[in-house]
Amino acid sequence: MEKAHVEVFTSPTCPHCPSAKKIAKEVCDKREDVKFLETSTMTSKGSKRAQKFDVRGVPTLIITGPGTNERIGYVGTPSKDSLNNMINIALGKEKWKEKKSILDKISKKLKINFKI
């Protein structure tokens, strides 16, 4: 079975990185279909890897897997549910949910059709 990969880019000076790393590690440890990796942007190897993925801030999570050709990126600390959803998308078990704009929500509630 091919696994998804969750890579967490961190820095020792980042106050939010420990919580992002903790959540990612907990989620990955509970699943057999995911591999966890932490990359410090303070090392030369980590800095080069961050440049490769265009990481501009930490914590940043990059999720890849056999279910999508795209990398899924998340800046900040995700909830466990959000991270599980991103992993499932990377594995091809779920699809992206279409987000509705505020205009869509208002028009549905007021039963108005807008044409632009």
N, C-alpha and C. Protein backbone atom coordinates (compact mmCIF):
# COMPACT_ATOMS: atom_id res chain seq x y z
N MET A 1 0.84 -1.18 0.00
CA MET A 1 0.00 0.00 0.00
C MET A 1 0.89 1.25 0.00
N GLU A 2 0.59 2.14 -0.94
CA GLU A 2 1.32 3.40 -0.97
C GLU A 2 0.84 4.29 0.16
N LYS A 3 1.77 5.02 0.75
CA LYS A 3 1.43 5.88 1.88
C LYS A 3 1.41 7.34 1.47
N ALA A 4 0.67 8.11 2.23
CA ALA A 4 0.73 9.57 2.12
C ALA A 4 1.92 10.02 2.97
N HIS A 5 2.42 11.21 2.68
CA HIS A 5 3.51 11.79 3.45
C HIS A 5 3.08 13.13 4.00
N VAL A 6 3.29 13.32 5.29
CA VAL A 6 3.02 14.61 5.93
C VAL A 6 4.37 15.15 6.39
N GLU A 7 4.78 16.25 5.77
CA GLU A 7 6.05 16.88 6.12
C GLU A 7 5.74 18.22 6.79
N VAL A 8 6.26 18.38 8.01
CA VAL A 8 6.04 19.61 8.77
C VAL A 8 7.33 20.41 8.77
N PHE A 9 7.27 21.61 8.19
CA PHE A 9 8.42 22.51 8.19
C PHE A 9 8.36 23.36 9.45
N THR A 10 9.46 23.34 10.22
CA THR A 10 9.50 24.02 11.50
C THR A 10 10.77 24.85 11.64
N SER A 11 10.79 25.65 12.69
CA SER A 11 11.96 26.42 13.07
C SER A 11 12.03 26.41 14.59
N PRO A 12 13.23 26.35 15.17
CA PRO A 12 13.33 26.33 16.63
C PRO A 12 12.81 27.61 17.30
N THR A 13 12.75 28.70 16.56
CA THR A 13 12.30 29.97 17.14
C THR A 13 10.80 30.20 16.96
N CYS A 14 10.11 29.30 16.30
CA CYS A 14 8.68 29.45 16.01
C CYS A 14 7.84 29.02 17.21
N PRO A 15 6.99 29.92 17.73
CA PRO A 15 6.17 29.55 18.89
C PRO A 15 5.01 28.61 18.56
N HIS A 16 4.61 28.54 17.29
CA HIS A 16 3.47 27.70 16.90
C HIS A 16 3.89 26.33 16.37
N CYS A 17 5.16 26.17 16.08
CA CYS A 17 5.64 24.91 15.49
C CYS A 17 5.45 23.69 16.39
N PRO A 18 5.71 23.79 17.70
CA PRO A 18 5.53 22.59 18.54
C PRO A 18 4.10 22.04 18.50
N SER A 19 3.09 22.91 18.49
CA SER A 19 1.71 22.41 18.46
C SER A 19 1.38 21.80 17.10
N ALA A 20 1.86 22.40 16.02
CA ALA A 20 1.62 21.85 14.69
C ALA A 20 2.29 20.48 14.55
N LYS A 21 3.52 20.39 15.04
CA LYS A 21 4.25 19.12 14.99
C LYS A 21 3.54 18.06 15.84
N LYS A 22 3.08 18.44 17.03
CA LYS A 22 2.41 17.50 17.92
C LYS A 22 1.14 16.94 17.29
N ILE A 23 0.32 17.82 16.72
CA ILE A 23 -0.92 17.36 16.09
C ILE A 23 -0.62 16.46 14.90
N ALA A 24 0.33 16.86 14.06
CA ALA A 24 0.67 16.05 12.88
C ALA A 24 1.20 14.68 13.30
N LYS A 25 2.06 14.66 14.31
CA LYS A 25 2.63 13.39 14.78
C LYS A 25 1.53 12.49 15.36
N GLU A 26 0.62 13.07 16.16
CA GLU A 26 -0.46 12.28 16.74
C GLU A 26 -1.36 11.67 15.66
N VAL A 27 -1.71 12.47 14.66
CA VAL A 27 -2.57 11.98 13.58
C VAL A 27 -1.84 10.88 12.80
N CYS A 28 -0.59 11.11 12.46
CA CYS A 28 0.17 10.13 11.67
C CYS A 28 0.41 8.84 12.45
N ASP A 29 0.66 8.95 13.76
CA ASP A 29 0.91 7.76 14.57
C ASP A 29 -0.32 6.86 14.67
N LYS A 30 -1.51 7.43 14.51
CA LYS A 30 -2.75 6.64 14.61
C LYS A 30 -3.13 5.99 13.28
N ARG A 31 -2.40 6.32 12.22
CA ARG A 31 -2.72 5.80 10.89
C ARG A 31 -1.54 4.99 10.37
N GLU A 32 -1.85 3.92 9.66
CA GLU A 32 -0.80 3.10 9.06
C GLU A 32 -0.51 3.50 7.62
N ASP A 33 -1.33 4.40 7.07
CA ASP A 33 -1.20 4.78 5.67
C ASP A 33 -0.50 6.13 5.48
N VAL A 34 0.21 6.58 6.53
CA VAL A 34 0.85 7.90 6.49
C VAL A 34 2.25 7.83 7.09
N LYS A 35 3.16 8.56 6.47
CA LYS A 35 4.51 8.70 7.00
C LYS A 35 4.71 10.15 7.43
N PHE A 36 5.26 10.36 8.63
CA PHE A 36 5.50 11.69 9.19
C PHE A 36 6.97 12.07 9.03
N LEU A 37 7.20 13.34 8.71
CA LEU A 37 8.57 13.85 8.59
C LEU A 37 8.59 15.29 9.07
N GLU A 38 9.54 15.61 9.93
CA GLU A 38 9.74 17.00 10.34
C GLU A 38 11.00 17.52 9.66
N THR A 39 10.91 18.72 9.10
CA THR A 39 12.05 19.35 8.45
C THR A 39 12.28 20.72 9.07
N SER A 40 13.46 20.91 9.63
CA SER A 40 13.81 22.20 10.22
C SER A 40 14.37 23.11 9.13
N THR A 41 13.79 24.30 9.02
CA THR A 41 14.26 25.25 8.01
C THR A 41 15.58 25.90 8.42
N MET A 42 16.07 25.60 9.62
CA MET A 42 17.32 26.18 10.09
C MET A 42 18.55 25.38 9.64
N THR A 43 18.33 24.19 9.07
CA THR A 43 19.45 23.42 8.55
C THR A 43 19.59 23.72 7.06
N SER A 44 20.78 23.51 6.51
CA SER A 44 20.96 23.80 5.08
C SER A 44 20.10 22.87 4.22
N LYS A 45 20.01 21.61 4.61
CA LYS A 45 19.17 20.65 3.87
C LYS A 45 17.69 21.05 3.98
N GLY A 46 17.26 21.42 5.18
CA GLY A 46 15.87 21.83 5.39
C GLY A 46 15.54 23.12 4.66
N SER A 47 16.49 24.04 4.63
CA SER A 47 16.29 25.32 3.94
C SER A 47 16.12 25.09 2.43
N LYS A 48 16.94 24.21 1.87
CA LYS A 48 16.84 23.90 0.44
C LYS A 48 15.50 23.21 0.14
N ARG A 49 15.10 22.33 1.03
CA ARG A 49 13.83 21.62 0.84
C ARG A 49 12.65 22.61 0.93
N ALA A 50 12.73 23.55 1.86
CA ALA A 50 11.69 24.57 1.99
C ALA A 50 11.60 25.42 0.72
N GLN A 51 12.75 25.76 0.14
CA GLN A 51 12.76 26.52 -1.11
C GLN A 51 12.11 25.72 -2.23
N LYS A 52 12.38 24.43 -2.27
CA LYS A 52 11.82 23.56 -3.30
C LYS A 52 10.29 23.60 -3.28
N PHE A 53 9.71 23.64 -2.08
CA PHE A 53 8.25 23.65 -1.93
C PHE A 53 7.69 25.06 -1.75
N ASP A 54 8.54 26.07 -1.90
CA ASP A 54 8.12 27.47 -1.78
C ASP A 54 7.52 27.77 -0.40
N VAL A 55 8.10 27.18 0.64
CA VAL A 55 7.66 27.43 2.01
C VAL A 55 8.20 28.79 2.43
N ARG A 56 7.29 29.68 2.84
CA ARG A 56 7.69 31.04 3.20
C ARG A 56 7.47 31.36 4.66
N GLY A 57 6.85 30.45 5.39
CA GLY A 57 6.61 30.66 6.81
C GLY A 57 6.44 29.32 7.49
N VAL A 58 6.59 29.32 8.80
CA VAL A 58 6.43 28.09 9.57
C VAL A 58 5.43 28.32 10.69
N PRO A 59 4.73 27.29 11.09
CA PRO A 59 4.76 25.94 10.56
C PRO A 59 4.00 25.84 9.23
N THR A 60 4.54 25.04 8.33
CA THR A 60 3.87 24.71 7.08
C THR A 60 3.87 23.20 6.93
N LEU A 61 2.72 22.65 6.57
CA LEU A 61 2.60 21.22 6.31
C LEU A 61 2.44 21.01 4.82
N ILE A 62 3.18 20.05 4.28
CA ILE A 62 3.04 19.64 2.89
C ILE A 62 2.60 18.18 2.92
N ILE A 63 1.45 17.91 2.32
CA ILE A 63 0.89 16.56 2.31
C ILE A 63 0.86 16.06 0.87
N THR A 64 1.45 14.90 0.63
CA THR A 64 1.46 14.29 -0.70
C THR A 64 0.97 12.85 -0.57
N GLY A 65 0.52 12.32 -1.68
CA GLY A 65 0.07 10.93 -1.66
C GLY A 65 -0.29 10.45 -3.04
N PRO A 66 -0.58 9.17 -3.16
CA PRO A 66 -0.87 8.56 -4.46
C PRO A 66 -2.21 8.95 -5.06
N GLY A 67 -3.08 9.59 -4.30
CA GLY A 67 -4.41 9.92 -4.79
C GLY A 67 -4.52 11.24 -5.51
N THR A 68 -3.44 12.02 -5.52
CA THR A 68 -3.45 13.32 -6.20
C THR A 68 -2.06 13.65 -6.73
N ASN A 69 -2.03 14.35 -7.85
CA ASN A 69 -0.74 14.77 -8.41
C ASN A 69 -0.26 16.07 -7.79
N GLU A 70 -1.13 16.72 -7.02
CA GLU A 70 -0.79 18.01 -6.43
C GLU A 70 -0.33 17.83 -4.99
N ARG A 71 0.49 18.78 -4.55
CA ARG A 71 0.87 18.83 -3.15
C ARG A 71 -0.19 19.65 -2.41
N ILE A 72 -0.55 19.19 -1.24
CA ILE A 72 -1.50 19.93 -0.41
C ILE A 72 -0.69 20.68 0.63
N GLY A 73 -0.83 21.99 0.66
CA GLY A 73 -0.09 22.80 1.61
C GLY A 73 -1.01 23.42 2.64
N TYR A 74 -0.51 23.54 3.87
CA TYR A 74 -1.28 24.17 4.94
C TYR A 74 -0.32 24.97 5.80
N VAL A 75 -0.61 26.24 5.98
CA VAL A 75 0.23 27.11 6.82
C VAL A 75 -0.48 27.29 8.15
N GLY A 76 0.22 26.99 9.23
CA GLY A 76 -0.36 27.12 10.57
C GLY A 76 -0.53 25.76 11.22
N THR A 77 -1.36 25.73 12.24
CA THR A 77 -1.63 24.49 12.97
C THR A 77 -3.02 23.99 12.61
N PRO A 78 -3.11 22.87 11.91
CA PRO A 78 -4.44 22.37 11.52
C PRO A 78 -5.12 21.65 12.67
N SER A 79 -6.42 21.52 12.58
CA SER A 79 -7.13 20.64 13.52
C SER A 79 -6.87 19.20 13.08
N LYS A 80 -7.09 18.27 13.98
CA LYS A 80 -6.90 16.86 13.63
C LYS A 80 -7.85 16.45 12.51
N ASP A 81 -9.09 16.94 12.56
CA ASP A 81 -10.06 16.61 11.51
C ASP A 81 -9.61 17.14 10.15
N SER A 82 -9.14 18.39 10.13
CA SER A 82 -8.67 18.98 8.86
C SER A 82 -7.49 18.21 8.30
N LEU A 83 -6.55 17.84 9.16
CA LEU A 83 -5.39 17.10 8.70
C LEU A 83 -5.80 15.72 8.19
N ASN A 84 -6.69 15.05 8.89
CA ASN A 84 -7.17 13.75 8.41
C ASN A 84 -7.85 13.88 7.05
N ASN A 85 -8.63 14.94 6.85
CA ASN A 85 -9.27 15.17 5.56
C ASN A 85 -8.23 15.38 4.46
N MET A 86 -7.20 16.18 4.74
CA MET A 86 -6.15 16.42 3.74
C MET A 86 -5.40 15.14 3.41
N ILE A 87 -5.15 14.32 4.41
CA ILE A 87 -4.48 13.03 4.18
C ILE A 87 -5.37 12.13 3.31
N ASN A 88 -6.65 12.09 3.62
CA ASN A 88 -7.57 11.27 2.83
C ASN A 88 -7.65 11.74 1.38
N ILE A 89 -7.59 13.05 1.17
CA ILE A 89 -7.56 13.60 -0.20
C ILE A 89 -6.27 13.16 -0.90
N ALA A 90 -5.15 13.25 -0.19
CA ALA A 90 -3.86 12.85 -0.77
C ALA A 90 -3.84 11.36 -1.12
N LEU A 91 -4.58 10.57 -0.36
CA LEU A 91 -4.66 9.13 -0.63
C LEU A 91 -5.72 8.78 -1.66
N GLY A 92 -6.54 9.75 -2.06
CA GLY A 92 -7.60 9.50 -3.02
C GLY A 92 -8.87 8.93 -2.39
N LYS A 93 -8.97 8.99 -1.07
CA LYS A 93 -10.15 8.46 -0.37
C LYS A 93 -11.28 9.49 -0.29
N GLU A 94 -10.95 10.76 -0.46
CA GLU A 94 -11.93 11.84 -0.42
C GLU A 94 -11.62 12.83 -1.52
N LYS A 95 -12.60 13.66 -1.84
CA LYS A 95 -12.43 14.75 -2.81
C LYS A 95 -12.49 16.06 -2.06
N TRP A 96 -11.94 17.11 -2.67
CA TRP A 96 -12.05 18.44 -2.10
C TRP A 96 -13.51 18.83 -2.05
N LYS A 97 -13.92 19.41 -0.96
CA LYS A 97 -15.29 19.92 -0.84
C LYS A 97 -15.31 21.33 -1.40
N GLU A 98 -16.30 21.57 -2.26
CA GLU A 98 -16.42 22.89 -2.88
C GLU A 98 -16.90 23.88 -1.83
N LYS A 99 -16.15 24.97 -1.70
CA LYS A 99 -16.54 26.01 -0.75
C LYS A 99 -17.49 26.97 -1.42
N LYS A 100 -18.51 27.34 -0.70
CA LYS A 100 -19.50 28.28 -1.20
C LYS A 100 -19.09 29.70 -0.81
N SER A 101 -19.29 30.62 -1.73
CA SER A 101 -19.01 32.02 -1.43
C SER A 101 -20.15 32.58 -0.58
N ILE A 102 -19.92 33.72 0.02
CA ILE A 102 -20.95 34.37 0.82
C ILE A 102 -22.16 34.71 -0.05
N LEU A 103 -21.91 35.07 -1.31
CA LEU A 103 -23.00 35.38 -2.24
C LEU A 103 -23.86 34.15 -2.49
N ASP A 104 -23.23 32.98 -2.63
CA ASP A 104 -23.97 31.73 -2.81
C ASP A 104 -24.86 31.44 -1.60
N LYS A 105 -24.31 31.66 -0.42
CA LYS A 105 -25.06 31.38 0.81
C LYS A 105 -26.26 32.32 0.95
N ILE A 106 -26.03 33.60 0.66
CA ILE A 106 -27.11 34.59 0.77
C ILE A 106 -28.20 34.30 -0.26
N SER A 107 -27.80 34.03 -1.50
CA SER A 107 -28.79 33.79 -2.55
C SER A 107 -29.63 32.55 -2.26
N LYS A 108 -29.02 31.54 -1.67
CA LYS A 108 -29.77 30.33 -1.32
C LYS A 108 -30.77 30.63 -0.20
N LYS A 109 -30.31 31.37 0.79
CA LYS A 109 -31.19 31.68 1.92
C LYS A 109 -32.35 32.57 1.50
N LEU A 110 -32.08 33.54 0.64
CA LEU A 110 -33.12 34.46 0.18
C LEU A 110 -33.87 33.95 -1.05
N LYS A 111 -33.43 32.81 -1.57
CA LYS A 111 -34.03 32.20 -2.77
C LYS A 111 -34.00 33.17 -3.95
N ILE A 112 -32.82 33.73 -4.17
CA ILE A 112 -32.59 34.67 -5.28
C ILE A 112 -31.52 34.07 -6.17
N ASN A 113 -31.71 34.14 -7.48
CA ASN A 113 -30.69 33.70 -8.42
C ASN A 113 -29.97 34.91 -8.98
N PHE A 114 -28.66 34.96 -8.75
CA PHE A 114 -27.84 36.04 -9.28
C PHE A 114 -27.21 35.59 -10.59
N LYS A 115 -27.18 36.48 -11.57
CA LYS A 115 -26.49 36.20 -12.83
C LYS A 115 -25.48 37.32 -13.04
N ILE A 116 -24.25 36.91 -13.16
CA ILE A 116 -23.18 37.90 -13.35
C ILE A 116 -22.53 37.67 -14.68
